[in-house]
Amino acid sequence: IRALVEQAFGGLDIEQVTDIRDRFVDSFYFGCEADDRTTAFAFSPANAFGSSLRAVLSSDISHWDVRNMDRVLPHAHSLVTEGLLTADQFADFAFRNPYRLHTGVNPRFFDGTVLDGVTI
């Protein structure tokens, strides 16, 4: 098993456990349904090293079970009103993390849109 791990991860220059966090946590984004209460785990202080995962608001807007698109965001915000997320965590979930996801690859992603010039 050690040989397989070395083959798979040997090029990552991991010398200590915190290197795993440093290489992966900020590089991965996780789509979470608007009504998924387990989204709160992404922001849990119980995560290794106190890391927050980059949860991104997702929805089934185009699916048959979402009859009113205008209810998705308020429904997602119930994570705040129920005390599962703070307002700042919700801002990461609904705006900052999606913004980082898109502008991390293409800093000009939002050029020409209402978000043109917005920084976080």
C-alpha atoms as a PDB file:
ATOM      1  CA  ILE A   1       0.000   0.000   0.000  1.00  0.00           C
ATOM      2  CA  ARG A   2       2.834   2.395   0.803  1.00  0.00           C
ATOM      3  CA  ALA A   3       4.117   2.020  -2.759  1.00  0.00           C
ATOM      4  CA  LEU A   4       0.662   2.858  -4.172  1.00  0.00           C
ATOM      5  CA  VAL A   5       0.362   5.928  -1.985  1.00  0.00           C
ATOM      6  CA  GLU A   6       3.854   7.027  -2.984  1.00  0.00           C
ATOM      7  CA  GLN A   7       3.035   6.510  -6.647  1.00  0.00           C
ATOM      8  CA  ALA A   8      -0.239   8.431  -6.406  1.00  0.00           C
ATOM      9  CA  PHE A   9       0.876  11.287  -4.147  1.00  0.00           C
ATOM     10  CA  GLY A  10       4.692  11.231  -4.316  1.00  0.00           C
ATOM     11  CA  GLY A  11       4.892  14.305  -6.528  1.00  0.00           C
ATOM     12  CA  LEU A  12       2.994  16.465  -4.037  1.00  0.00           C
ATOM     13  CA  ASP A  13       5.982  16.931  -1.746  1.00  0.00           C
ATOM     14  CA  ILE A  14       3.951  16.116   1.365  1.00  0.00           C
ATOM     15  CA  GLU A  15       6.202  16.063   4.399  1.00  0.00           C
ATOM     16  CA  GLN A  16       3.717  16.694   7.185  1.00  0.00           C
ATOM     17  CA  VAL A  17      -0.006  16.289   7.724  1.00  0.00           C
ATOM     18  CA  THR A  18      -0.732  20.008   7.292  1.00  0.00           C
ATOM     19  CA  ASP A  19       0.685  19.786   3.769  1.00  0.00           C
ATOM     20  CA  ILE A  20      -2.397  17.755   2.826  1.00  0.00           C
ATOM     21  CA  ARG A  21      -4.627  20.629   3.925  1.00  0.00           C
ATOM     22  CA  ASP A  22      -2.452  23.158   2.148  1.00  0.00           C
ATOM     23  CA  ARG A  23      -2.538  21.226  -1.134  1.00  0.00           C
ATOM     24  CA  PHE A  24      -6.208  20.261  -1.187  1.00  0.00           C
ATOM     25  CA  VAL A  25      -8.609  22.325   0.939  1.00  0.00           C
ATOM     26  CA  ASP A  26      -8.527  25.502  -1.140  1.00  0.00           C
ATOM     27  CA  SER A  27      -8.390  23.601  -4.427  1.00  0.00           C
ATOM     28  CA  PHE A  28     -11.667  21.704  -4.167  1.00  0.00           C
ATOM     29  CA  TYR A  29     -15.234  23.023  -4.340  1.00  0.00           C
ATOM     30  CA  PHE A  30     -18.320  21.077  -3.308  1.00  0.00           C
ATOM     31  CA  GLY A  31     -21.759  21.692  -4.780  1.00  0.00           C
ATOM     32  CA  CYS A  32     -24.411  21.450  -2.075  1.00  0.00           C
ATOM     33  CA  GLU A  33     -28.146  21.506  -2.561  1.00  0.00           C
ATOM     34  CA  ALA A  34     -29.889  24.592  -1.234  1.00  0.00           C
ATOM     35  CA  ASP A  35     -31.888  22.570   1.275  1.00  0.00           C
ATOM     36  CA  ASP A  36     -29.079  20.244   2.403  1.00  0.00           C
ATOM     37  CA  ARG A  37     -28.557  20.757   6.119  1.00  0.00           C
ATOM     38  CA  THR A  38     -25.295  18.795   5.977  1.00  0.00           C
ATOM     39  CA  THR A  39     -23.768  21.811   4.203  1.00  0.00           C
ATOM     40  CA  ALA A  40     -23.010  23.048   7.721  1.00  0.00           C
ATOM     41  CA  PHE A  41     -20.328  20.339   8.009  1.00  0.00           C
ATOM     42  CA  ALA A  42     -18.242  22.204   5.414  1.00  0.00           C
ATOM     43  CA  PHE A  43     -17.902  25.059   7.917  1.00  0.00           C
ATOM     44  CA  SER A  44     -17.593  22.985  11.074  1.00  0.00           C
ATOM     45  CA  PRO A  45     -14.798  23.822  13.511  1.00  0.00           C
ATOM     46  CA  ALA A  46     -14.516  20.040  13.958  1.00  0.00           C
ATOM     47  CA  ASN A  47     -12.939  19.737  10.485  1.00  0.00           C
ATOM     48  CA  ALA A  48      -9.256  18.822  10.506  1.00  0.00           C
ATOM     49  CA  PHE A  49      -7.100  21.859  11.308  1.00  0.00           C
ATOM     50  CA  GLY A  50     -10.293  23.919  11.650  1.00  0.00           C
ATOM     51  CA  SER A  51     -10.502  24.057   7.866  1.00  0.00           C
ATOM     52  CA  SER A  52     -13.596  25.269   6.073  1.00  0.00           C
ATOM     53  CA  LEU A  53     -14.377  23.462   2.861  1.00  0.00           C
ATOM     54  CA  ARG A  54     -15.460  25.472  -0.156  1.00  0.00           C
ATOM     55  CA  ALA A  55     -19.137  24.625  -0.332  1.00  0.00           C
ATOM     56  CA  VAL A  56     -20.996  26.136  -3.288  1.00  0.00           C
ATOM     57  CA  LEU A  57     -24.751  26.713  -3.464  1.00  0.00           C
ATOM     58  CA  SER A  58     -26.282  24.396  -6.028  1.00  0.00           C
ATOM     59  CA  SER A  59     -29.898  23.805  -6.823  1.00  0.00           C
ATOM     60  CA  ASP A  60     -32.294  21.804  -8.929  1.00  0.00           C
ATOM     61  CA  ILE A  61     -33.716  24.937 -10.568  1.00  0.00           C
ATOM     62  CA  SER A  62     -34.065  23.173 -13.907  1.00  0.00           C
ATOM     63  CA  HIS A  63     -35.607  20.034 -12.411  1.00  0.00           C
ATOM     64  CA  TRP A  64     -39.264  19.143 -12.073  1.00  0.00           C
ATOM     65  CA  ASP A  65     -39.225  19.388  -8.269  1.00  0.00           C
ATOM     66  CA  VAL A  66     -38.378  23.119  -8.193  1.00  0.00           C
ATOM     67  CA  ARG A  67     -41.604  24.819  -9.162  1.00  0.00           C
ATOM     68  CA  ASN A  68     -40.593  28.355  -8.114  1.00  0.00           C
ATOM     69  CA  MET A  69     -37.034  29.523  -8.765  1.00  0.00           C
ATOM     70  CA  ASP A  70     -37.522  32.494  -6.441  1.00  0.00           C
ATOM     71  CA  ARG A  71     -37.780  30.159  -3.444  1.00  0.00           C
ATOM     72  CA  VAL A  72     -34.368  28.504  -3.796  1.00  0.00           C
ATOM     73  CA  LEU A  73     -32.255  31.242  -2.208  1.00  0.00           C
ATOM     74  CA  PRO A  74     -34.644  31.968   0.695  1.00  0.00           C
ATOM     75  CA  HIS A  75     -34.842  28.223   1.300  1.00  0.00           C
ATOM     76  CA  ALA A  76     -31.043  28.029   1.379  1.00  0.00           C
ATOM     77  CA  HIS A  77     -30.968  30.983   3.784  1.00  0.00           C
ATOM     78  CA  SER A  78     -32.956  28.886   6.249  1.00  0.00           C
ATOM     79  CA  LEU A  79     -29.555  27.382   7.129  1.00  0.00           C
ATOM     80  CA  VAL A  80     -28.839  30.756   8.766  1.00  0.00           C
ATOM     81  CA  THR A  81     -32.237  31.262  10.389  1.00  0.00           C
ATOM     82  CA  GLU A  82     -32.025  27.739  11.837  1.00  0.00           C
ATOM     83  CA  GLY A  83     -28.574  28.474  13.271  1.00  0.00           C
ATOM     84  CA  LEU A  84     -26.665  25.988  11.127  1.00  0.00           C
ATOM     85  CA  LEU A  85     -24.587  28.657   9.348  1.00  0.00           C
ATOM     86  CA  THR A  86     -23.572  32.172  10.293  1.00  0.00           C
ATOM     87  CA  ALA A  87     -24.362  35.019   7.910  1.00  0.00           C
ATOM     88  CA  ASP A  88     -20.676  35.139   6.947  1.00  0.00           C
ATOM     89  CA  GLN A  89     -20.602  31.392   6.212  1.00  0.00           C
ATOM     90  CA  PHE A  90     -23.735  31.776   4.102  1.00  0.00           C
ATOM     91  CA  ALA A  91     -22.018  34.562   2.144  1.00  0.00           C
ATOM     92  CA  ASP A  92     -19.160  32.126   1.440  1.00  0.00           C
ATOM     93  CA  PHE A  93     -21.623  29.415   0.419  1.00  0.00           C
ATOM     94  CA  ALA A  94     -23.863  31.553  -1.784  1.00  0.00           C
ATOM     95  CA  PHE A  95     -21.396  34.092  -3.222  1.00  0.00           C
ATOM     96  CA  ARG A  96     -17.714  34.082  -2.277  1.00  0.00           C
ATOM     97  CA  ASN A  97     -16.962  30.430  -2.997  1.00  0.00           C
ATOM     98  CA  PRO A  98     -18.747  30.414  -6.386  1.00  0.00           C
ATOM     99  CA  TYR A  99     -16.963  33.683  -7.211  1.00  0.00           C
ATOM    100  CA  ARG A 100     -13.585  32.179  -6.265  1.00  0.00           C
ATOM    101  CA  LEU A 101     -14.348  29.044  -8.263  1.00  0.00           C
ATOM    102  CA  HIS A 102     -14.937  30.966 -11.477  1.00  0.00           C
ATOM    103  CA  THR A 103     -12.383  33.749 -11.127  1.00  0.00           C
ATOM    104  CA  GLY A 104      -9.651  31.430  -9.874  1.00  0.00           C
ATOM    105  CA  VAL A 105      -9.401  29.897 -13.332  1.00  0.00           C
ATOM    106  CA  ASN A 106     -10.401  32.988 -15.308  1.00  0.00           C
ATOM    107  CA  PRO A 107     -10.012  36.307 -13.442  1.00  0.00           C
ATOM    108  CA  ARG A 108     -12.081  38.004 -16.165  1.00  0.00           C
ATOM    109  CA  PHE A 109     -14.974  35.540 -15.895  1.00  0.00           C
ATOM    110  CA  PHE A 110     -17.463  38.219 -14.808  1.00  0.00           C
ATOM    111  CA  ASP A 111     -16.288  40.985 -17.153  1.00  0.00           C
ATOM    112  CA  GLY A 112     -19.264  42.666 -18.789  1.00  0.00           C
ATOM    113  CA  THR A 113     -21.714  41.384 -16.175  1.00  0.00           C
ATOM    114  CA  VAL A 114     -23.249  43.030 -13.103  1.00  0.00           C
ATOM    115  CA  LEU A 115     -20.348  41.547 -11.128  1.00  0.00           C
ATOM    116  CA  ASP A 116     -17.715  43.252 -13.281  1.00  0.00           C
ATOM    117  CA  GLY A 117     -15.323  45.008 -10.904  1.00  0.00           C
ATOM    118  CA  VAL A 118     -16.553  43.198  -7.780  1.00  0.00           C
ATOM    119  CA  THR A 119     -13.802  41.934  -5.538  1.00  0.00           C
ATOM    120  CA  ILE A 120     -14.031  39.790  -2.439  1.00  0.00           C
END
